Structures are given as structure tokens and as C-alpha cells.
């Protein structure tokens, strides 16, 4: 098994056919076909369906591991070329959308200024979609909604933020300045799925007040849930940063003083240790949040627990 064989398999997964993979790799199709045949012989399994160019189930499994191998080798080369003064290489980071909206326009320029040879690749998603990619090594780190209970991860709190109720201005609660949890439980509302950290926080708070929240719908995505609330589909409990500070419209945000704040933090695998580019990105992230986080409505740097 050779690295070029794995690279050819990854190219087929990314581009959908032998010919497209060859073009992406700057080689001829016969070379890609030869690499895959050799890899299949070494592993004793079929990796690619020759009729349509799609990966077999085993092929998909091998690609996931192959990406990690290639990424680790790239990290080794970057680490060897880096010095104490100059850090270079790639960092693949996940970020929840509500945080990415305000943080990335500040983080990416700051990272480029501090470490011009670091290349950051950002993937937006929900905590539930990003977390497995950190665990399997597809991502070097991520900014996620805490709490996270994964012993394989190293976790560092970044900030906390208020949870608020978002309603269309035609809703009967629209004239309220604050809502109690007991009142919140009297109407169906938009909620995240029970498997998510935010839902666990909400259900725990409701149970402490001896009530249960009524889901009008369960949405795994704060930005989508926010959009539905904007459109008047139903009230939604969301983080304060889900509502851009510049946005105006037919909506009202209402305080929920009995709810704890949402904690947001940085997650990386304990082993292997994050590469130097990822460690540099974390330090820049903490510096950016310390300098500008408090200017975001409802955000409290260094307060996450």
C-alpha cells in the first residue's frame, strides 16, 4: 500500500469517476485505475464499483481512514518546516453557524496577520454534525456548543451567551420583556432535538421548574430554527448571537432570565496532539474573543463553564 494509491482513492471519492480523479491529480486514467487495483489487491476487498465509479461500502470506510493518513502526513511535513518564529501548515476547523457569523470575520484576518503561512479551512455545521468529524480526525478542531462528554477530546471554554426567546411581532408574547419557564411551557415552541446539548439544557431547566416544554417542531440547526421564528412559524429559544445585531424586521427577542447561558468552547482530540497550525488558531481565537466578544450582544467572554 502506497500513499499515491490512497490519494487516488480519495480523488475518486471527491470527483466521482476515474477520469475526473485523473484530471484532478494531473495524471492519466490508467494510472488511477492501476493504483486502485493495487490497493484492492493489497487489502483483499473491492473499493470502487467499476460500473458507475462510486465507492463500495468498504471503499467508503477506507477513504475515511485514508484522509486521516494523508492529513497526518501533511501535518508532519508542515511541522518539520515550521520554526518557533514561523508556523506554517493547514488547520481544518469546524464551527457552529451562530458563532461563525460574528467570529470568523474577525478571526480569519487576525490569523492571517499573526500567522500568514497558516491556511485555515472552515466547515460550518451543527454541534451534532461537526463533533463526529473531530472525533474521527477529519477536522483538527472545532468551536462547538458545550457541554460535551467525550473523554477522547480536550475541551476549552471560550465564552457564554444568553438564551433568548424569538417571536414574530404578531405573537401574543410579542409585548413581553421577559418570560418565565413555566409560561414558556404553556405553548408549543420550536425546539432542538433531544440529542442536542441545547435541548438538554432546556429540558433540565424545565424539569427544575416541574414543567415540560412542548415541541411544535424539532429542528437540528439554530440558524434554521431562527429563520422559522422570523417567519412566524413559532417561538424559538435561541442563542443571542443567532440574531445579527444589524438585522431589523417583524420580530421581537424576549429575555429568559431563568435559563442558564449557553457555553461555547473549543474541542480537539487528545491524541494525536493538534498540529502547530491548530494550536496557533486556538490562541488567536481566544485573543479575538477577549478583545471583541463583549461587543456582541449577549456574549460574555471567559464566562463559559
C-alpha atoms as a PDB file:
ATOM      1  CA  UNK A   1       0.000   0.000   0.000  1.00  0.00           C
ATOM      2  CA  UNK A   2       1.426   3.347  -1.078  1.00  0.00           C
ATOM      3  CA  UNK A   3       0.390   6.930  -0.400  1.00  0.00           C
ATOM      4  CA  UNK A   4      -0.340   7.541  -4.091  1.00  0.00           C
ATOM      5  CA  UNK A   5      -2.789   4.635  -4.027  1.00  0.00           C
ATOM      6  CA  UNK A   6      -4.691   6.213  -1.154  1.00  0.00           C
ATOM      7  CA  UNK A   7      -4.563   9.606  -2.881  1.00  0.00           C
ATOM      8  CA  UNK A   8      -6.154   8.117  -6.000  1.00  0.00           C
ATOM      9  CA  UNK A   9      -8.961   6.580  -3.954  1.00  0.00           C
ATOM     10  CA  UNK A  10      -9.630   9.910  -2.232  1.00  0.00           C
ATOM     11  CA  UNK A  11      -9.716  11.637  -5.619  1.00  0.00           C
ATOM     12  CA  UNK A  12     -12.335   9.183  -6.891  1.00  0.00           C
ATOM     13  CA  UNK A  13     -14.425   9.797  -3.777  1.00  0.00           C
ATOM     14  CA  UNK A  14     -14.163  13.565  -4.266  1.00  0.00           C
ATOM     15  CA  UNK A  15     -14.673  13.723  -8.040  1.00  0.00           C
ATOM     16  CA  UNK A  16     -16.940  10.751  -8.777  1.00  0.00           C
ATOM     17  CA  UNK A  17     -15.100   8.858 -11.505  1.00  0.00           C
ATOM     18  CA  UNK A  18     -11.712   7.520 -12.583  1.00  0.00           C
ATOM     19  CA  UNK A  19     -11.386  10.085 -15.378  1.00  0.00           C
ATOM     20  CA  UNK A  20     -12.312  13.037 -13.148  1.00  0.00           C
ATOM     21  CA  UNK A  21      -9.910  11.803 -10.464  1.00  0.00           C
ATOM     22  CA  UNK A  22      -7.119  11.580 -13.041  1.00  0.00           C
ATOM     23  CA  UNK A  23      -7.733  15.161 -14.191  1.00  0.00           C
ATOM     24  CA  UNK A  24      -7.703  16.396 -10.587  1.00  0.00           C
ATOM     25  CA  UNK A  25      -4.422  14.596  -9.916  1.00  0.00           C
ATOM     26  CA  UNK A  26      -2.828  15.722 -13.182  1.00  0.00           C
ATOM     27  CA  UNK A  27      -2.291  12.198 -14.453  1.00  0.00           C
ATOM     28  CA  UNK A  28      -3.915   9.703 -16.838  1.00  0.00           C
ATOM     29  CA  UNK A  29      -6.855   7.444 -16.077  1.00  0.00           C
ATOM     30  CA  UNK A  30      -4.799   4.267 -16.497  1.00  0.00           C
ATOM     31  CA  UNK A  31      -2.563   5.338 -13.600  1.00  0.00           C
ATOM     32  CA  UNK A  32      -5.531   5.898 -11.306  1.00  0.00           C
ATOM     33  CA  UNK A  33      -7.017   2.543 -12.321  1.00  0.00           C
ATOM     34  CA  UNK A  34      -3.697   0.827 -11.649  1.00  0.00           C
ATOM     35  CA  UNK A  35      -3.419   2.454  -8.204  1.00  0.00           C
ATOM     36  CA  UNK A  36      -6.889   1.310  -7.215  1.00  0.00           C
ATOM     37  CA  UNK A  37      -6.316  -2.225  -8.470  1.00  0.00           C
ATOM     38  CA  UNK A  38      -3.088  -2.454  -6.481  1.00  0.00           C
ATOM     39  CA  UNK A  39      -4.785  -1.091  -3.360  1.00  0.00           C
ATOM     40  CA  UNK A  40      -7.677  -3.554  -3.710  1.00  0.00           C
ATOM     41  CA  UNK A  41      -5.182  -6.402  -4.122  1.00  0.00           C
ATOM     42  CA  UNK A  42      -3.274  -5.330  -1.014  1.00  0.00           C
ATOM     43  CA  UNK A  43      -6.448  -5.088   1.069  1.00  0.00           C
ATOM     44  CA  UNK A  44      -8.275  -8.033  -0.473  1.00  0.00           C
ATOM     45  CA  UNK A  45     -11.525  -6.090  -0.952  1.00  0.00           C
ATOM     46  CA  UNK A  46     -13.355  -4.226  -3.718  1.00  0.00           C
ATOM     47  CA  UNK A  47     -13.194  -0.472  -3.165  1.00  0.00           C
ATOM     48  CA  UNK A  48     -14.781   1.019  -6.310  1.00  0.00           C
ATOM     49  CA  UNK A  49     -17.781  -0.081  -8.356  1.00  0.00           C
ATOM     50  CA  UNK A  50     -16.379  -0.182 -11.894  1.00  0.00           C
ATOM     51  CA  UNK A  51     -19.858   0.298 -13.434  1.00  0.00           C
ATOM     52  CA  UNK A  52     -20.561   3.744 -12.007  1.00  0.00           C
ATOM     53  CA  UNK A  53     -17.343   4.856 -10.309  1.00  0.00           C
ATOM     54  CA  UNK A  54     -18.922   5.045  -6.856  1.00  0.00           C
ATOM     55  CA  UNK A  55     -17.228   3.690  -3.752  1.00  0.00           C
ATOM     56  CA  UNK A  56     -18.308   0.418  -2.244  1.00  0.00           C
ATOM     57  CA  UNK A  57     -19.155   0.272   1.450  1.00  0.00           C
ATOM     58  CA  UNK A  58     -15.613  -0.902   2.178  1.00  0.00           C
ATOM     59  CA  UNK A  59     -14.280   1.825  -0.097  1.00  0.00           C
ATOM     60  CA  UNK A  60     -16.078   4.482   1.905  1.00  0.00           C
ATOM     61  CA  UNK A  61     -14.582   3.122   5.117  1.00  0.00           C
ATOM     62  CA  UNK A  62     -11.078   3.083   3.638  1.00  0.00           C
ATOM     63  CA  UNK A  63     -11.434   6.649   2.328  1.00  0.00           C
ATOM     64  CA  UNK A  64     -12.272   7.936   5.799  1.00  0.00           C
ATOM     65  CA  UNK A  65      -9.056   6.456   7.167  1.00  0.00           C
ATOM     66  CA  UNK A  66      -7.056   7.447   4.092  1.00  0.00           C
ATOM     67  CA  UNK A  67      -7.999  11.093   4.556  1.00  0.00           C
ATOM     68  CA  UNK A  68      -6.681  10.974   8.103  1.00  0.00           C
ATOM     69  CA  UNK A  69      -3.439   9.339   6.955  1.00  0.00           C
ATOM     70  CA  UNK A  70      -2.854  11.931   4.236  1.00  0.00           C
ATOM     71  CA  UNK A  71      -3.734  14.751   6.612  1.00  0.00           C
ATOM     72  CA  UNK A  72      -1.313  13.441   9.254  1.00  0.00           C
ATOM     73  CA  UNK A  73       1.481  13.200   6.693  1.00  0.00           C
ATOM     74  CA  UNK A  74       0.794  16.787   5.613  1.00  0.00           C
ATOM     75  CA  UNK A  75       0.965  17.823   9.261  1.00  0.00           C
ATOM     76  CA  UNK A  76       4.320  16.082   9.684  1.00  0.00           C
ATOM     77  CA  UNK A  77       5.749  17.946   6.708  1.00  0.00           C
ATOM     78  CA  UNK A  78       4.350  21.273   7.915  1.00  0.00           C
ATOM     79  CA  UNK A  79       5.637  20.738  11.460  1.00  0.00           C
ATOM     80  CA  UNK A  80       9.107  19.944  10.137  1.00  0.00           C
ATOM     81  CA  UNK A  81       9.148  23.119   8.051  1.00  0.00           C
ATOM     82  CA  UNK A  82       7.818  25.335  10.837  1.00  0.00           C
ATOM     83  CA  UNK A  83      10.109  27.168  13.223  1.00  0.00           C
ATOM     84  CA  UNK A  84       9.485  28.815  16.577  1.00  0.00           C
ATOM     85  CA  UNK A  85       9.034  32.125  14.777  1.00  0.00           C
ATOM     86  CA  UNK A  86       7.170  30.955  11.666  1.00  0.00           C
ATOM     87  CA  UNK A  87       4.297  28.488  11.816  1.00  0.00           C
ATOM     88  CA  UNK A  88       3.014  27.076   8.567  1.00  0.00           C
ATOM     89  CA  UNK A  89       0.554  24.429   7.522  1.00  0.00           C
ATOM     90  CA  UNK A  90      -3.154  23.731   7.354  1.00  0.00           C
ATOM     91  CA  UNK A  91      -5.833  23.611  10.024  1.00  0.00           C
ATOM     92  CA  UNK A  92      -9.300  22.223   9.327  1.00  0.00           C
ATOM     93  CA  UNK A  93     -11.788  23.723  11.759  1.00  0.00           C
ATOM     94  CA  UNK A  94     -15.495  23.234  12.343  1.00  0.00           C
ATOM     95  CA  UNK A  95     -17.687  25.994  13.717  1.00  0.00           C
ATOM     96  CA  UNK A  96     -21.335  26.308  14.683  1.00  0.00           C
ATOM     97  CA  UNK A  97     -23.099  28.798  12.446  1.00  0.00           C
ATOM     98  CA  UNK A  98     -24.257  31.319  15.030  1.00  0.00           C
ATOM     99  CA  UNK A  99     -20.731  31.769  16.345  1.00  0.00           C
ATOM    100  CA  UNK A 100     -19.138  31.681  12.901  1.00  0.00           C
ATOM    101  CA  UNK A 101     -21.263  34.600  11.722  1.00  0.00           C
ATOM    102  CA  UNK A 102     -19.653  37.100  14.123  1.00  0.00           C
ATOM    103  CA  UNK A 103     -16.353  35.393  14.960  1.00  0.00           C
ATOM    104  CA  UNK A 104     -14.961  34.385  11.546  1.00  0.00           C
ATOM    105  CA  UNK A 105     -14.868  37.911  10.050  1.00  0.00           C
ATOM    106  CA  UNK A 106     -12.580  38.794  12.967  1.00  0.00           C
ATOM    107  CA  UNK A 107     -10.693  35.534  13.420  1.00  0.00           C
ATOM    108  CA  UNK A 108      -9.577  34.888   9.843  1.00  0.00           C
ATOM    109  CA  UNK A 109      -7.899  38.309   9.311  1.00  0.00           C
ATOM    110  CA  UNK A 110      -6.291  38.097  12.755  1.00  0.00           C
ATOM    111  CA  UNK A 111      -4.951  34.605  11.998  1.00  0.00           C
ATOM    112  CA  UNK A 112      -3.599  35.747   8.640  1.00  0.00           C
ATOM    113  CA  UNK A 113      -1.880  38.719  10.264  1.00  0.00           C
ATOM    114  CA  UNK A 114      -0.350  36.684  13.096  1.00  0.00           C
ATOM    115  CA  UNK A 115       0.498  33.578  11.059  1.00  0.00           C
ATOM    116  CA  UNK A 116       0.466  34.348   7.328  1.00  0.00           C
ATOM    117  CA  UNK A 117       1.651  30.834   6.444  1.00  0.00           C
ATOM    118  CA  UNK A 118      -1.249  29.101   8.199  1.00  0.00           C
ATOM    119  CA  UNK A 119      -4.101  28.058   5.915  1.00  0.00           C
ATOM    120  CA  UNK A 120      -7.451  27.718   7.697  1.00  0.00           C
ATOM    121  CA  UNK A 121     -10.279  25.682   6.144  1.00  0.00           C
ATOM    122  CA  UNK A 122     -13.608  26.320   7.891  1.00  0.00           C
ATOM    123  CA  UNK A 123     -16.593  23.953   7.933  1.00  0.00           C
ATOM    124  CA  UNK A 124     -19.914  25.240   9.233  1.00  0.00           C
ATOM    125  CA  UNK A 125     -22.440  22.921  10.840  1.00  0.00           C
ATOM    126  CA  UNK A 126     -24.287  21.971  13.975  1.00  0.00           C
ATOM    127  CA  UNK A 127     -22.530  20.557  17.026  1.00  0.00           C
ATOM    128  CA  UNK A 128     -24.102  17.154  16.347  1.00  0.00           C
ATOM    129  CA  UNK A 129     -22.799  17.114  12.759  1.00  0.00           C
ATOM    130  CA  UNK A 130     -19.323  18.505  13.486  1.00  0.00           C
ATOM    131  CA  UNK A 131     -18.465  16.532  16.633  1.00  0.00           C
ATOM    132  CA  UNK A 132     -18.071  13.118  14.896  1.00  0.00           C
ATOM    133  CA  UNK A 133     -15.690  14.705  12.398  1.00  0.00           C
ATOM    134  CA  UNK A 134     -13.462  15.925  15.221  1.00  0.00           C
ATOM    135  CA  UNK A 135     -13.537  12.514  16.867  1.00  0.00           C
ATOM    136  CA  UNK A 136     -12.615  10.645  13.675  1.00  0.00           C
ATOM    137  CA  UNK A 137      -9.824  13.083  12.795  1.00  0.00           C
ATOM    138  CA  UNK A 138     -11.456  14.618   9.736  1.00  0.00           C
ATOM    139  CA  UNK A 139     -11.307  18.001  11.497  1.00  0.00           C
ATOM    140  CA  UNK A 140      -8.400  19.276  13.590  1.00  0.00           C
ATOM    141  CA  UNK A 141     -10.633  21.172  15.988  1.00  0.00           C
ATOM    142  CA  UNK A 142     -13.982  22.865  16.315  1.00  0.00           C
ATOM    143  CA  UNK A 143     -15.917  25.598  18.071  1.00  0.00           C
ATOM    144  CA  UNK A 144     -18.973  23.870  19.495  1.00  0.00           C
ATOM    145  CA  UNK A 145     -21.837  24.133  21.947  1.00  0.00           C
ATOM    146  CA  UNK A 146     -20.866  22.735  25.350  1.00  0.00           C
ATOM    147  CA  UNK A 147     -21.272  20.621  27.389  1.00  0.00           C
ATOM    148  CA  UNK A 148     -19.578  17.784  25.522  1.00  0.00           C
ATOM    149  CA  UNK A 149     -18.907  14.496  27.258  1.00  0.00           C
ATOM    150  CA  UNK A 150     -16.186  12.819  25.204  1.00  0.00           C
ATOM    151  CA  UNK A 151     -13.102  11.580  27.093  1.00  0.00           C
ATOM    152  CA  UNK A 152     -11.127  11.467  23.831  1.00  0.00           C
ATOM    153  CA  UNK A 153     -11.391  15.235  23.431  1.00  0.00           C
ATOM    154  CA  UNK A 154      -9.578  18.135  25.017  1.00  0.00           C
ATOM    155  CA  UNK A 155     -12.116  20.883  25.756  1.00  0.00           C
ATOM    156  CA  UNK A 156     -11.552  24.569  26.438  1.00  0.00           C
ATOM    157  CA  UNK A 157     -14.405  27.016  27.209  1.00  0.00           C
ATOM    158  CA  UNK A 158     -14.365  30.229  25.151  1.00  0.00           C
ATOM    159  CA  UNK A 159     -17.425  32.260  26.090  1.00  0.00           C
ATOM    160  CA  UNK A 160     -21.005  32.091  27.293  1.00  0.00           C
ATOM    161  CA  UNK A 161     -24.053  33.726  25.788  1.00  0.00           C
ATOM    162  CA  UNK A 162     -27.632  34.451  26.731  1.00  0.00           C
ATOM    163  CA  UNK A 163     -30.505  32.327  25.532  1.00  0.00           C
ATOM    164  CA  UNK A 164     -33.479  34.388  24.377  1.00  0.00           C
ATOM    165  CA  UNK A 165     -36.970  33.754  23.050  1.00  0.00           C
ATOM    166  CA  UNK A 166     -37.516  34.870  19.468  1.00  0.00           C
ATOM    167  CA  UNK A 167     -41.122  35.511  18.366  1.00  0.00           C
ATOM    168  CA  UNK A 168     -42.814  37.153  15.418  1.00  0.00           C
ATOM    169  CA  UNK A 169     -44.261  40.520  16.418  1.00  0.00           C
ATOM    170  CA  UNK A 170     -47.787  39.197  15.810  1.00  0.00           C
ATOM    171  CA  UNK A 171     -47.413  36.582  18.544  1.00  0.00           C
ATOM    172  CA  UNK A 172     -49.288  37.079  21.806  1.00  0.00           C
ATOM    173  CA  UNK A 173     -45.977  37.218  23.710  1.00  0.00           C
ATOM    174  CA  UNK A 174     -44.534  39.955  21.483  1.00  0.00           C
ATOM    175  CA  UNK A 175     -45.181  42.750  24.007  1.00  0.00           C
ATOM    176  CA  UNK A 176     -43.430  40.917  26.848  1.00  0.00           C
ATOM    177  CA  UNK A 177     -39.955  41.894  28.026  1.00  0.00           C
ATOM    178  CA  UNK A 178     -39.335  38.551  29.744  1.00  0.00           C
ATOM    179  CA  UNK A 179     -40.945  35.114  30.010  1.00  0.00           C
ATOM    180  CA  UNK A 180     -40.723  32.538  32.809  1.00  0.00           C
ATOM    181  CA  UNK A 181     -40.040  28.891  32.105  1.00  0.00           C
ATOM    182  CA  UNK A 182     -43.474  27.986  33.464  1.00  0.00           C
ATOM    183  CA  UNK A 183     -45.078  30.361  30.964  1.00  0.00           C
ATOM    184  CA  UNK A 184     -42.855  29.054  28.177  1.00  0.00           C
ATOM    185  CA  UNK A 185     -44.231  25.561  28.793  1.00  0.00           C
ATOM    186  CA  UNK A 186     -47.820  26.631  28.156  1.00  0.00           C
ATOM    187  CA  UNK A 187     -47.389  26.971  24.365  1.00  0.00           C
ATOM    188  CA  UNK A 188     -45.795  24.792  21.671  1.00  0.00           C
ATOM    189  CA  UNK A 189     -42.410  26.172  20.631  1.00  0.00           C
ATOM    190  CA  UNK A 190     -39.615  25.307  18.205  1.00  0.00           C
ATOM    191  CA  UNK A 191     -37.004  23.163  19.944  1.00  0.00           C
ATOM    192  CA  UNK A 192     -33.765  21.394  19.012  1.00  0.00           C
ATOM    193  CA  UNK A 193     -33.787  17.562  19.062  1.00  0.00           C
ATOM    194  CA  UNK A 194     -33.436  15.790  22.418  1.00  0.00           C
ATOM    195  CA  UNK A 195     -29.951  14.559  21.484  1.00  0.00           C
ATOM    196  CA  UNK A 196     -28.510  18.072  21.347  1.00  0.00           C
ATOM    197  CA  UNK A 197     -26.754  19.983  24.134  1.00  0.00           C
ATOM    198  CA  UNK A 198     -29.146  22.932  23.858  1.00  0.00           C
ATOM    199  CA  UNK A 199     -32.205  20.709  24.248  1.00  0.00           C
ATOM    200  CA  UNK A 200     -30.705  19.029  27.296  1.00  0.00           C
ATOM    201  CA  UNK A 201     -30.186  22.456  28.869  1.00  0.00           C
ATOM    202  CA  UNK A 202     -33.779  23.481  28.144  1.00  0.00           C
ATOM    203  CA  UNK A 203     -35.314  20.219  29.362  1.00  0.00           C
ATOM    204  CA  UNK A 204     -33.241  20.288  32.543  1.00  0.00           C
ATOM    205  CA  UNK A 205     -34.314  23.859  33.286  1.00  0.00           C
ATOM    206  CA  UNK A 206     -37.960  22.971  32.657  1.00  0.00           C
ATOM    207  CA  UNK A 207     -37.733  19.912  34.910  1.00  0.00           C
ATOM    208  CA  UNK A 208     -36.279  22.072  37.693  1.00  0.00           C
ATOM    209  CA  UNK A 209     -39.469  24.129  37.487  1.00  0.00           C
ATOM    210  CA  UNK A 210     -41.621  20.961  37.335  1.00  0.00           C
ATOM    211  CA  UNK A 211     -42.880  21.633  33.800  1.00  0.00           C
ATOM    212  CA  UNK A 212     -42.202  20.140  30.357  1.00  0.00           C
ATOM    213  CA  UNK A 213     -41.678  22.112  27.161  1.00  0.00           C
ATOM    214  CA  UNK A 214     -43.989  21.366  24.236  1.00  0.00           C
ATOM    215  CA  UNK A 215     -42.230  20.971  20.862  1.00  0.00           C
ATOM    216  CA  UNK A 216     -44.072  22.440  17.915  1.00  0.00           C
ATOM    217  CA  UNK A 217     -41.263  21.040  15.782  1.00  0.00           C
ATOM    218  CA  UNK A 218     -37.726  19.789  16.476  1.00  0.00           C
ATOM    219  CA  UNK A 219     -35.010  21.408  14.362  1.00  0.00           C
ATOM    220  CA  UNK A 220     -31.330  20.414  14.418  1.00  0.00           C
ATOM    221  CA  UNK A 221     -29.921  23.752  13.339  1.00  0.00           C
ATOM    222  CA  UNK A 222     -30.130  27.022  15.231  1.00  0.00           C
ATOM    223  CA  UNK A 223     -29.986  29.142  12.093  1.00  0.00           C
ATOM    224  CA  UNK A 224     -32.907  27.279  10.502  1.00  0.00           C
ATOM    225  CA  UNK A 225     -34.880  27.426  13.734  1.00  0.00           C
ATOM    226  CA  UNK A 226     -34.204  31.174  13.880  1.00  0.00           C
ATOM    227  CA  UNK A 227     -35.396  31.639  10.299  1.00  0.00           C
ATOM    228  CA  UNK A 228     -38.633  29.780  11.038  1.00  0.00           C
ATOM    229  CA  UNK A 229     -39.241  32.004  14.063  1.00  0.00           C
ATOM    230  CA  UNK A 230     -38.584  35.105  11.934  1.00  0.00           C
ATOM    231  CA  UNK A 231     -41.258  33.892   9.517  1.00  0.00           C
ATOM    232  CA  UNK A 232     -43.794  33.443  12.317  1.00  0.00           C
ATOM    233  CA  UNK A 233     -43.840  29.635  12.261  1.00  0.00           C
ATOM    234  CA  UNK A 234     -43.477  29.572  16.038  1.00  0.00           C
ATOM    235  CA  UNK A 235     -41.478  30.920  19.013  1.00  0.00           C
ATOM    236  CA  UNK A 236     -37.945  29.586  19.386  1.00  0.00           C
ATOM    237  CA  UNK A 237     -35.370  29.583  22.193  1.00  0.00           C
ATOM    238  CA  UNK A 238     -32.085  30.534  20.557  1.00  0.00           C
ATOM    239  CA  UNK A 239     -28.653  31.907  21.480  1.00  0.00           C
ATOM    240  CA  UNK A 240     -28.416  35.697  21.400  1.00  0.00           C
ATOM    241  CA  UNK A 241     -25.872  35.611  18.546  1.00  0.00           C
ATOM    242  CA  UNK A 242     -28.375  33.841  16.285  1.00  0.00           C
ATOM    243  CA  UNK A 243     -29.894  37.297  15.717  1.00  0.00           C
ATOM    244  CA  UNK A 244     -27.425  39.542  13.845  1.00  0.00           C
ATOM    245  CA  UNK A 245     -27.074  42.933  15.526  1.00  0.00           C
ATOM    246  CA  UNK A 246     -27.724  44.713  12.223  1.00  0.00           C
ATOM    247  CA  UNK A 247     -30.959  42.834  11.445  1.00  0.00           C
ATOM    248  CA  UNK A 248     -34.345  44.509  11.677  1.00  0.00           C
ATOM    249  CA  UNK A 249     -37.746  43.060  10.916  1.00  0.00           C
ATOM    250  CA  UNK A 250     -41.044  41.833  12.277  1.00  0.00           C
ATOM    251  CA  UNK A 251     -39.647  40.007  15.287  1.00  0.00           C
ATOM    252  CA  UNK A 252     -39.049  40.513  18.993  1.00  0.00           C
ATOM    253  CA  UNK A 253     -36.496  38.916  21.306  1.00  0.00           C
ATOM    254  CA  UNK A 254     -37.631  38.309  24.859  1.00  0.00           C
ATOM    255  CA  UNK A 255     -35.438  37.674  27.887  1.00  0.00           C
ATOM    256  CA  UNK A 256     -35.490  34.254  29.589  1.00  0.00           C
ATOM    257  CA  UNK A 257     -33.863  35.102  32.938  1.00  0.00           C
ATOM    258  CA  UNK A 258     -34.396  31.644  34.451  1.00  0.00           C
ATOM    259  CA  UNK A 259     -32.361  29.883  31.757  1.00  0.00           C
ATOM    260  CA  UNK A 260     -28.606  29.368  32.128  1.00  0.00           C
ATOM    261  CA  UNK A 261     -26.338  30.811  29.477  1.00  0.00           C
ATOM    262  CA  UNK A 262     -25.139  28.679  26.594  1.00  0.00           C
ATOM    263  CA  UNK A 263     -21.465  27.736  26.795  1.00  0.00           C
ATOM    264  CA  UNK A 264     -19.346  27.649  23.643  1.00  0.00           C
ATOM    265  CA  UNK A 265     -15.876  26.177  23.543  1.00  0.00           C
ATOM    266  CA  UNK A 266     -13.008  24.675  21.569  1.00  0.00           C
ATOM    267  CA  UNK A 267     -12.698  20.900  21.069  1.00  0.00           C
ATOM    268  CA  UNK A 268      -9.712  18.921  19.780  1.00  0.00           C
ATOM    269  CA  UNK A 269      -8.602  15.315  20.069  1.00  0.00           C
ATOM    270  CA  UNK A 270      -6.225  14.488  22.909  1.00  0.00           C
ATOM    271  CA  UNK A 271      -4.216  12.105  20.703  1.00  0.00           C
ATOM    272  CA  UNK A 272      -2.552  12.816  18.448  1.00  0.00           C
ATOM    273  CA  UNK A 273      -1.815  16.310  19.681  1.00  0.00           C
ATOM    274  CA  UNK A 274      -3.163  19.096  17.441  1.00  0.00           C
ATOM    275  CA  UNK A 275      -0.710  20.375  14.863  1.00  0.00           C
ATOM    276  CA  UNK A 276       1.003  23.715  15.384  1.00  0.00           C
ATOM    277  CA  UNK A 277      -1.340  25.487  12.974  1.00  0.00           C
ATOM    278  CA  UNK A 278      -4.345  24.389  15.004  1.00  0.00           C
ATOM    279  CA  UNK A 279      -2.725  25.379  18.289  1.00  0.00           C
ATOM    280  CA  UNK A 280      -1.941  28.790  16.792  1.00  0.00           C
ATOM    281  CA  UNK A 281      -5.546  29.136  15.623  1.00  0.00           C
ATOM    282  CA  UNK A 282      -6.773  28.453  19.155  1.00  0.00           C
ATOM    283  CA  UNK A 283      -4.555  31.161  20.640  1.00  0.00           C
ATOM    284  CA  UNK A 284      -5.708  33.690  18.047  1.00  0.00           C
ATOM    285  CA  UNK A 285      -9.336  32.680  18.650  1.00  0.00           C
ATOM    286  CA  UNK A 286      -9.009  33.299  22.390  1.00  0.00           C
ATOM    287  CA  UNK A 287      -7.367  36.665  21.762  1.00  0.00           C
ATOM    288  CA  UNK A 288     -10.091  37.761  19.308  1.00  0.00           C
ATOM    289  CA  UNK A 289     -12.865  36.736  21.700  1.00  0.00           C
ATOM    290  CA  UNK A 290     -11.185  38.543  24.590  1.00  0.00           C
ATOM    291  CA  UNK A 291     -10.928  41.744  22.534  1.00  0.00           C
ATOM    292  CA  UNK A 292     -14.258  41.770  20.683  1.00  0.00           C
ATOM    293  CA  UNK A 293     -16.573  39.201  22.258  1.00  0.00           C
ATOM    294  CA  UNK A 294     -18.062  41.599  24.785  1.00  0.00           C
ATOM    295  CA  UNK A 295     -19.179  43.862  21.952  1.00  0.00           C
ATOM    296  CA  UNK A 296     -21.542  41.122  20.769  1.00  0.00           C
ATOM    297  CA  UNK A 297     -24.965  41.465  22.440  1.00  0.00           C
ATOM    298  CA  UNK A 298     -25.443  38.721  24.998  1.00  0.00           C
ATOM    299  CA  UNK A 299     -21.869  37.365  24.818  1.00  0.00           C
ATOM    300  CA  UNK A 300     -19.665  37.024  27.906  1.00  0.00           C
ATOM    301  CA  UNK A 301     -16.001  36.141  27.180  1.00  0.00           C
ATOM    302  CA  UNK A 302     -14.236  33.855  29.627  1.00  0.00           C
ATOM    303  CA  UNK A 303     -17.564  33.136  31.347  1.00  0.00           C
ATOM    304  CA  UNK A 304     -18.283  29.722  29.827  1.00  0.00           C
ATOM    305  CA  UNK A 305     -18.431  26.886  32.314  1.00  0.00           C
END
